[in-house]
Amino acid sequence: MRNMTAILRKQIKDTLKNKEILIQFVMFPVLAIIMKNAVSIPSMPENYFVNLFASMYIGMAPLVSMAAVIAEEKEKNTLKALMMSGVKPWEYFAGIGIYIWMACMLGALVFGVTGDYKGTAGAAFLGIMAMGVLVSMLIGAAIGTASTSQMMATSLTVPVMLVFAFLPMLAAFNETIEQVARAAYSQQINMLIGQVEHLRVSFENVFVIGFNMLAAFLCFGYAYKRCGHPSF
């Protein structure tokens, strides 16, 4: 607990100084507010922009933030110092992850308020967003830990982020892409958000999101061990 708390406090101070990371948490919520109030098309589904930008936010903000933070600490040898101090992967991930998860959930709350989701629908919306944020954080952690520098992390993060963030939008306009996108957690999150008023969680939703989470977790564990930590 001391390790997690120390890492959490350090991360709060670092992020407040790092405007590039901070902007990741506010960009899509602000866009959702602007588009919802500025664009009105008769045939457009209710909360179309809120749901779309929420799905894109899931695939971008936590993934990019987590990868950037870990890659920066690795490049500055902070991660190596933590490992030598006996910090375990789950402690390290939790210390950084709790802060990023909380910051992302503040953005999710803005989406929920903008979409006027209340009561059961609001709780379901935040629960779905929380699950998506967790998967994205694991993917970002794997990329950041596997990278040798911030530049390498950016190079790896951009294509991965573009795939997960933009798949839900592309799937809405192309049936072939929609079938392929169903294997991605961001598309499953988008599907769940789209029916949040009358939520029905299917086996496909659970299996795809769970498989994506497990794969990301194993990749993070493997990358962390390659950094020189003997036990996961």
C-alpha atoms as a PDB file:
ATOM      1  CA  MET A   1       0.000   0.000   0.000  1.00  0.00           C
ATOM      2  CA  ARG A   2       2.878   2.383   0.755  1.00  0.00           C
ATOM      3  CA  ASN A   3       4.396   1.680  -2.661  1.00  0.00           C
ATOM      4  CA  MET A   4       1.081   2.312  -4.421  1.00  0.00           C
ATOM      5  CA  THR A   5       0.429   5.520  -2.466  1.00  0.00           C
ATOM      6  CA  ALA A   6       3.908   6.880  -3.149  1.00  0.00           C
ATOM      7  CA  ILE A   7       3.600   6.192  -6.888  1.00  0.00           C
ATOM      8  CA  LEU A   8       0.118   7.750  -6.915  1.00  0.00           C
ATOM      9  CA  ARG A   9       1.308  10.955  -5.235  1.00  0.00           C
ATOM     10  CA  LYS A  10       4.253  11.199  -7.606  1.00  0.00           C
ATOM     11  CA  GLN A  11       1.990  10.730 -10.622  1.00  0.00           C
ATOM     12  CA  ILE A  12      -0.413  13.465  -9.542  1.00  0.00           C
ATOM     13  CA  LYS A  13       2.460  15.959  -9.287  1.00  0.00           C
ATOM     14  CA  ASP A  14       3.979  14.886 -12.632  1.00  0.00           C
ATOM     15  CA  THR A  15       0.724  15.020 -14.579  1.00  0.00           C
ATOM     16  CA  LEU A  16      -0.172  18.499 -13.340  1.00  0.00           C
ATOM     17  CA  LYS A  17       3.129  19.647 -14.849  1.00  0.00           C
ATOM     18  CA  ASN A  18       2.621  17.701 -18.080  1.00  0.00           C
ATOM     19  CA  LYS A  19       0.041  19.551 -20.184  1.00  0.00           C
ATOM     20  CA  GLU A  20       0.339  17.019 -23.047  1.00  0.00           C
ATOM     21  CA  ILE A  21      -1.003  14.268 -20.772  1.00  0.00           C
ATOM     22  CA  LEU A  22      -3.582  16.512 -19.131  1.00  0.00           C
ATOM     23  CA  ILE A  23      -5.190  17.473 -22.451  1.00  0.00           C
ATOM     24  CA  GLN A  24      -5.946  13.810 -23.207  1.00  0.00           C
ATOM     25  CA  PHE A  25      -8.520  13.810 -20.411  1.00  0.00           C
ATOM     26  CA  VAL A  26     -10.461  16.897 -21.556  1.00  0.00           C
ATOM     27  CA  MET A  27     -10.342  16.890 -25.365  1.00  0.00           C
ATOM     28  CA  PHE A  28     -13.134  14.416 -26.196  1.00  0.00           C
ATOM     29  CA  PRO A  29     -15.529  15.461 -23.385  1.00  0.00           C
ATOM     30  CA  VAL A  30     -15.285  19.065 -24.602  1.00  0.00           C
ATOM     31  CA  LEU A  31     -15.844  17.966 -28.212  1.00  0.00           C
ATOM     32  CA  ALA A  32     -18.911  15.976 -27.153  1.00  0.00           C
ATOM     33  CA  ILE A  33     -20.400  19.025 -25.413  1.00  0.00           C
ATOM     34  CA  ILE A  34     -19.739  21.253 -28.415  1.00  0.00           C
ATOM     35  CA  MET A  35     -21.081  18.825 -31.025  1.00  0.00           C
ATOM     36  CA  LYS A  36     -24.198  17.904 -29.035  1.00  0.00           C
ATOM     37  CA  ASN A  37     -25.181  21.537 -28.664  1.00  0.00           C
ATOM     38  CA  ALA A  38     -23.999  22.807 -32.057  1.00  0.00           C
ATOM     39  CA  VAL A  39     -25.171  20.058 -34.455  1.00  0.00           C
ATOM     40  CA  SER A  40     -28.784  18.984 -34.846  1.00  0.00           C
ATOM     41  CA  ILE A  41     -29.877  16.603 -37.641  1.00  0.00           C
ATOM     42  CA  PRO A  42     -33.472  15.278 -37.652  1.00  0.00           C
ATOM     43  CA  SER A  43     -32.559  11.676 -38.476  1.00  0.00           C
ATOM     44  CA  MET A  44     -29.574  11.518 -36.106  1.00  0.00           C
ATOM     45  CA  PRO A  45     -29.921   9.071 -33.162  1.00  0.00           C
ATOM     46  CA  GLU A  46     -30.187  10.559 -29.697  1.00  0.00           C
ATOM     47  CA  ASN A  47     -26.824  11.210 -28.045  1.00  0.00           C
ATOM     48  CA  TYR A  48     -25.032  10.154 -31.230  1.00  0.00           C
ATOM     49  CA  PHE A  49     -22.010  12.397 -30.656  1.00  0.00           C
ATOM     50  CA  VAL A  50     -21.884  11.673 -26.923  1.00  0.00           C
ATOM     51  CA  ASN A  51     -21.770   7.911 -27.487  1.00  0.00           C
ATOM     52  CA  LEU A  52     -19.357   8.191 -30.423  1.00  0.00           C
ATOM     53  CA  PHE A  53     -16.866  10.429 -28.645  1.00  0.00           C
ATOM     54  CA  ALA A  54     -17.171   8.360 -25.455  1.00  0.00           C
ATOM     55  CA  SER A  55     -16.089   5.256 -27.409  1.00  0.00           C
ATOM     56  CA  MET A  56     -13.224   7.160 -29.050  1.00  0.00           C
ATOM     57  CA  TYR A  57     -12.217   8.544 -25.642  1.00  0.00           C
ATOM     58  CA  ILE A  58     -11.984   4.983 -24.297  1.00  0.00           C
ATOM     59  CA  GLY A  59      -9.667   3.924 -27.126  1.00  0.00           C
ATOM     60  CA  MET A  60      -7.417   6.960 -26.881  1.00  0.00           C
ATOM     61  CA  ALA A  61      -7.070   8.838 -23.560  1.00  0.00           C
ATOM     62  CA  PRO A  62      -6.199   6.042 -21.072  1.00  0.00           C
ATOM     63  CA  LEU A  63      -4.087   4.157 -23.625  1.00  0.00           C
ATOM     64  CA  VAL A  64      -1.984   7.162 -24.683  1.00  0.00           C
ATOM     65  CA  SER A  65      -1.635   8.520 -21.142  1.00  0.00           C
ATOM     66  CA  MET A  66      -0.554   5.214 -19.623  1.00  0.00           C
ATOM     67  CA  ALA A  67       1.982   4.494 -22.377  1.00  0.00           C
ATOM     68  CA  ALA A  68       3.464   8.005 -22.212  1.00  0.00           C
ATOM     69  CA  VAL A  69       3.831   8.008 -18.423  1.00  0.00           C
ATOM     70  CA  ILE A  70       5.494   4.590 -18.220  1.00  0.00           C
ATOM     71  CA  ALA A  71       7.784   5.236 -21.208  1.00  0.00           C
ATOM     72  CA  GLU A  72       8.920   8.520 -19.664  1.00  0.00           C
ATOM     73  CA  GLU A  73       9.732   6.877 -16.351  1.00  0.00           C
ATOM     74  CA  LYS A  74      11.527   4.053 -18.107  1.00  0.00           C
ATOM     75  CA  GLU A  75      13.604   6.470 -20.206  1.00  0.00           C
ATOM     76  CA  LYS A  76      14.603   8.394 -17.069  1.00  0.00           C
ATOM     77  CA  ASN A  77      15.454   5.083 -15.301  1.00  0.00           C
ATOM     78  CA  THR A  78      12.765   5.720 -12.677  1.00  0.00           C
ATOM     79  CA  LEU A  79      11.158   2.369 -13.468  1.00  0.00           C
ATOM     80  CA  LYS A  80      14.471   0.559 -12.983  1.00  0.00           C
ATOM     81  CA  ALA A  81      14.926   2.240  -9.609  1.00  0.00           C
ATOM     82  CA  LEU A  82      11.438   1.166  -8.556  1.00  0.00           C
ATOM     83  CA  MET A  83      12.102  -2.439  -9.571  1.00  0.00           C
ATOM     84  CA  MET A  84      15.357  -2.465  -7.613  1.00  0.00           C
ATOM     85  CA  SER A  85      13.360  -1.212  -4.621  1.00  0.00           C
ATOM     86  CA  GLY A  86      11.147  -4.296  -4.799  1.00  0.00           C
ATOM     87  CA  VAL A  87       8.064  -2.720  -6.364  1.00  0.00           C
ATOM     88  CA  LYS A  88       5.937  -5.431  -7.994  1.00  0.00           C
ATOM     89  CA  PRO A  89       4.176  -4.997 -11.348  1.00  0.00           C
ATOM     90  CA  TRP A  90       0.685  -4.912  -9.855  1.00  0.00           C
ATOM     91  CA  GLU A  91       1.778  -2.287  -7.311  1.00  0.00           C
ATOM     92  CA  TYR A  92       3.339  -0.172 -10.038  1.00  0.00           C
ATOM     93  CA  PHE A  93       0.342  -0.551 -12.343  1.00  0.00           C
ATOM     94  CA  ALA A  94      -2.099   0.218  -9.519  1.00  0.00           C
ATOM     95  CA  GLY A  95      -0.188   3.295  -8.375  1.00  0.00           C
ATOM     96  CA  ILE A  96      -0.179   4.858 -11.844  1.00  0.00           C
ATOM     97  CA  GLY A  97      -3.435   3.276 -12.960  1.00  0.00           C
ATOM     98  CA  ILE A  98      -5.598   4.517 -10.089  1.00  0.00           C
ATOM     99  CA  TYR A  99      -4.790   8.112 -10.944  1.00  0.00           C
ATOM    100  CA  ILE A 100      -5.289   7.744 -14.691  1.00  0.00           C
ATOM    101  CA  TRP A 101      -8.470   5.717 -14.123  1.00  0.00           C
ATOM    102  CA  MET A 102      -9.890   8.410 -11.835  1.00  0.00           C
ATOM    103  CA  ALA A 103      -8.997  11.165 -14.307  1.00  0.00           C
ATOM    104  CA  CYS A 104     -10.625   9.227 -17.153  1.00  0.00           C
ATOM    105  CA  MET A 105     -13.728   8.573 -15.063  1.00  0.00           C
ATOM    106  CA  LEU A 106     -14.129  12.303 -14.496  1.00  0.00           C
ATOM    107  CA  GLY A 107     -14.259  12.597 -18.276  1.00  0.00           C
ATOM    108  CA  ALA A 108     -16.750   9.720 -18.380  1.00  0.00           C
ATOM    109  CA  LEU A 109     -18.910  11.581 -15.863  1.00  0.00           C
ATOM    110  CA  VAL A 110     -18.912  14.609 -18.178  1.00  0.00           C
ATOM    111  CA  PHE A 111     -20.091  12.355 -21.032  1.00  0.00           C
ATOM    112  CA  GLY A 112     -22.833  10.950 -18.817  1.00  0.00           C
ATOM    113  CA  VAL A 113     -24.070  14.394 -17.777  1.00  0.00           C
ATOM    114  CA  THR A 114     -23.907  15.646 -21.385  1.00  0.00           C
ATOM    115  CA  GLY A 115     -25.962  12.652 -22.536  1.00  0.00           C
ATOM    116  CA  ASP A 116     -28.405  13.224 -19.662  1.00  0.00           C
ATOM    117  CA  TYR A 117     -28.008   9.645 -18.447  1.00  0.00           C
ATOM    118  CA  LYS A 118     -29.603   9.324 -15.025  1.00  0.00           C
ATOM    119  CA  GLY A 119     -30.381   6.628 -12.499  1.00  0.00           C
ATOM    120  CA  THR A 120     -29.823   3.072 -13.714  1.00  0.00           C
ATOM    121  CA  ALA A 121     -28.789   4.247 -17.184  1.00  0.00           C
ATOM    122  CA  GLY A 122     -26.210   6.610 -15.690  1.00  0.00           C
ATOM    123  CA  ALA A 123     -24.747   3.893 -13.458  1.00  0.00           C
ATOM    124  CA  ALA A 124     -24.624   1.457 -16.389  1.00  0.00           C
ATOM    125  CA  PHE A 125     -22.937   4.072 -18.581  1.00  0.00           C
ATOM    126  CA  LEU A 126     -20.226   4.758 -15.988  1.00  0.00           C
ATOM    127  CA  GLY A 127     -19.727   1.019 -15.374  1.00  0.00           C
ATOM    128  CA  ILE A 128     -19.227   0.358 -19.098  1.00  0.00           C
ATOM    129  CA  MET A 129     -16.824   3.281 -19.382  1.00  0.00           C
ATOM    130  CA  ALA A 130     -14.877   2.075 -16.325  1.00  0.00           C
ATOM    131  CA  MET A 131     -14.381  -1.346 -17.900  1.00  0.00           C
ATOM    132  CA  GLY A 132     -13.221   0.154 -21.200  1.00  0.00           C
ATOM    133  CA  VAL A 133     -10.780   2.480 -19.428  1.00  0.00           C
ATOM    134  CA  LEU A 134      -9.242  -0.471 -17.584  1.00  0.00           C
ATOM    135  CA  VAL A 135      -8.621  -2.434 -20.794  1.00  0.00           C
ATOM    136  CA  SER A 136      -7.082   0.598 -22.503  1.00  0.00           C
ATOM    137  CA  MET A 137      -4.836   1.224 -19.522  1.00  0.00           C
ATOM    138  CA  LEU A 138      -3.514  -2.328 -19.681  1.00  0.00           C
ATOM    139  CA  ILE A 139      -2.748  -1.950 -23.393  1.00  0.00           C
ATOM    140  CA  GLY A 140      -1.013   1.381 -22.750  1.00  0.00           C
ATOM    141  CA  ALA A 141       0.968  -0.156 -19.887  1.00  0.00           C
ATOM    142  CA  ALA A 142       2.162  -2.980 -22.137  1.00  0.00           C
ATOM    143  CA  ILE A 143       3.261  -0.534 -24.858  1.00  0.00           C
ATOM    144  CA  GLY A 144       4.961   1.845 -22.428  1.00  0.00           C
ATOM    145  CA  THR A 145       6.820  -0.948 -20.629  1.00  0.00           C
ATOM    146  CA  ALA A 146       7.965  -2.547 -23.887  1.00  0.00           C
ATOM    147  CA  SER A 147       9.276   0.764 -25.263  1.00  0.00           C
ATOM    148  CA  THR A 148      12.839   1.924 -24.704  1.00  0.00           C
ATOM    149  CA  SER A 149      12.019   5.636 -25.058  1.00  0.00           C
ATOM    150  CA  GLN A 150       9.132   8.075 -25.270  1.00  0.00           C
ATOM    151  CA  MET A 151       9.667   8.385 -29.013  1.00  0.00           C
ATOM    152  CA  MET A 152       9.334   4.632 -29.459  1.00  0.00           C
ATOM    153  CA  ALA A 153       6.244   4.584 -27.237  1.00  0.00           C
ATOM    154  CA  THR A 154       4.636   7.291 -29.364  1.00  0.00           C
ATOM    155  CA  SER A 155       5.447   5.410 -32.554  1.00  0.00           C
ATOM    156  CA  LEU A 156       3.807   2.246 -31.196  1.00  0.00           C
ATOM    157  CA  THR A 157       0.898   3.991 -29.499  1.00  0.00           C
ATOM    158  CA  VAL A 158      -0.371   6.039 -32.447  1.00  0.00           C
ATOM    159  CA  PRO A 159      -1.353   3.144 -34.775  1.00  0.00           C
ATOM    160  CA  VAL A 160      -2.802   1.089 -31.900  1.00  0.00           C
ATOM    161  CA  MET A 161      -4.738   4.096 -30.622  1.00  0.00           C
ATOM    162  CA  LEU A 162      -6.064   4.932 -34.088  1.00  0.00           C
ATOM    163  CA  VAL A 163      -7.339   1.378 -34.553  1.00  0.00           C
ATOM    164  CA  PHE A 164      -9.188   1.140 -31.240  1.00  0.00           C
ATOM    165  CA  ALA A 165     -10.400   4.751 -31.192  1.00  0.00           C
ATOM    166  CA  PHE A 166     -11.719   4.950 -34.751  1.00  0.00           C
ATOM    167  CA  LEU A 167     -13.045   1.412 -35.251  1.00  0.00           C
ATOM    168  CA  PRO A 168     -16.449   2.232 -33.669  1.00  0.00           C
ATOM    169  CA  MET A 169     -16.909   5.214 -35.982  1.00  0.00           C
ATOM    170  CA  LEU A 170     -15.879   3.309 -39.124  1.00  0.00           C
ATOM    171  CA  ALA A 171     -18.015   0.330 -38.134  1.00  0.00           C
ATOM    172  CA  ALA A 172     -21.093   2.561 -38.178  1.00  0.00           C
ATOM    173  CA  PHE A 173     -20.636   3.175 -41.918  1.00  0.00           C
ATOM    174  CA  ASN A 174     -19.345  -0.162 -43.213  1.00  0.00           C
ATOM    175  CA  GLU A 175     -20.771  -3.623 -42.487  1.00  0.00           C
ATOM    176  CA  THR A 176     -17.513  -5.441 -43.297  1.00  0.00           C
ATOM    177  CA  ILE A 177     -15.553  -3.252 -40.890  1.00  0.00           C
ATOM    178  CA  GLU A 178     -18.325  -3.708 -38.345  1.00  0.00           C
ATOM    179  CA  GLN A 179     -17.895  -7.492 -38.413  1.00  0.00           C
ATOM    180  CA  VAL A 180     -14.123  -7.192 -37.959  1.00  0.00           C
ATOM    181  CA  ALA A 181     -14.469  -4.505 -35.298  1.00  0.00           C
ATOM    182  CA  ARG A 182     -16.565  -6.781 -33.094  1.00  0.00           C
ATOM    183  CA  ALA A 183     -13.320  -8.499 -32.059  1.00  0.00           C
ATOM    184  CA  ALA A 184     -12.116  -5.240 -30.471  1.00  0.00           C
ATOM    185  CA  TYR A 185     -13.105  -4.182 -26.971  1.00  0.00           C
ATOM    186  CA  SER A 186     -13.737  -0.584 -28.088  1.00  0.00           C
ATOM    187  CA  GLN A 187     -16.463  -1.739 -30.493  1.00  0.00           C
ATOM    188  CA  GLN A 188     -18.059  -3.878 -27.789  1.00  0.00           C
ATOM    189  CA  ILE A 189     -17.977  -0.881 -25.444  1.00  0.00           C
ATOM    190  CA  ASN A 190     -19.590   1.214 -28.178  1.00  0.00           C
ATOM    191  CA  MET A 191     -22.325  -1.405 -28.658  1.00  0.00           C
ATOM    192  CA  LEU A 192     -23.059  -1.491 -24.926  1.00  0.00           C
ATOM    193  CA  ILE A 193     -23.124   2.306 -24.645  1.00  0.00           C
ATOM    194  CA  GLY A 194     -25.564   2.459 -27.560  1.00  0.00           C
ATOM    195  CA  GLN A 195     -28.129   0.410 -25.629  1.00  0.00           C
ATOM    196  CA  VAL A 196     -27.416   1.759 -22.150  1.00  0.00           C
ATOM    197  CA  GLU A 197     -31.049   2.785 -21.628  1.00  0.00           C
ATOM    198  CA  HIS A 198     -32.104  -0.874 -21.976  1.00  0.00           C
ATOM    199  CA  LEU A 199     -28.843  -2.682 -21.330  1.00  0.00           C
ATOM    200  CA  ARG A 200     -28.483  -6.329 -22.278  1.00  0.00           C
ATOM    201  CA  VAL A 201     -25.014  -7.808 -21.842  1.00  0.00           C
ATOM    202  CA  SER A 202     -24.389 -10.747 -24.182  1.00  0.00           C
ATOM    203  CA  PHE A 203     -21.808 -13.530 -24.052  1.00  0.00           C
ATOM    204  CA  GLU A 204     -20.026 -11.879 -26.984  1.00  0.00           C
ATOM    205  CA  ASN A 205     -19.635  -8.627 -25.045  1.00  0.00           C
ATOM    206  CA  VAL A 206     -18.184 -10.387 -22.001  1.00  0.00           C
ATOM    207  CA  PHE A 207     -15.938 -12.750 -23.969  1.00  0.00           C
ATOM    208  CA  VAL A 208     -14.406 -10.129 -26.289  1.00  0.00           C
ATOM    209  CA  ILE A 209     -13.792  -7.563 -23.555  1.00  0.00           C
ATOM    210  CA  GLY A 210     -12.442 -10.250 -21.209  1.00  0.00           C
ATOM    211  CA  PHE A 211     -10.149 -11.702 -23.875  1.00  0.00           C
ATOM    212  CA  ASN A 212      -8.796  -8.253 -24.799  1.00  0.00           C
ATOM    213  CA  MET A 213      -8.164  -7.531 -21.126  1.00  0.00           C
ATOM    214  CA  LEU A 214      -6.387 -10.835 -20.514  1.00  0.00           C
ATOM    215  CA  ALA A 215      -4.211 -10.443 -23.618  1.00  0.00           C
ATOM    216  CA  ALA A 216      -3.214  -6.907 -22.602  1.00  0.00           C
ATOM    217  CA  PHE A 217      -2.476  -8.037 -19.037  1.00  0.00           C
ATOM    218  CA  LEU A 218      -0.224 -10.879 -20.215  1.00  0.00           C
ATOM    219  CA  CYS A 219       1.618  -8.537 -22.602  1.00  0.00           C
ATOM    220  CA  PHE A 220       2.207  -6.080 -19.760  1.00  0.00           C
ATOM    221  CA  GLY A 221       3.493  -8.856 -17.492  1.00  0.00           C
ATOM    222  CA  TYR A 222       5.854 -10.124 -20.196  1.00  0.00           C
ATOM    223  CA  ALA A 223       7.168  -6.636 -20.957  1.00  0.00           C
ATOM    224  CA  TYR A 224       7.696  -5.928 -17.243  1.00  0.00           C
ATOM    225  CA  LYS A 225       9.704  -9.119 -16.798  1.00  0.00           C
ATOM    226  CA  ARG A 226      11.886  -8.197 -19.783  1.00  0.00           C
ATOM    227  CA  CYS A 227      12.775  -4.989 -17.942  1.00  0.00           C
ATOM    228  CA  GLY A 228      14.578  -7.155 -15.424  1.00  0.00           C
ATOM    229  CA  HIS A 229      11.966  -7.845 -12.767  1.00  0.00           C
ATOM    230  CA  PRO A 230      12.119 -11.537 -11.834  1.00  0.00           C
ATOM    231  CA  SER A 231       8.626 -11.982 -10.396  1.00  0.00           C
ATOM    232  CA  PHE A 232       5.216 -10.945 -11.638  1.00  0.00           C
END
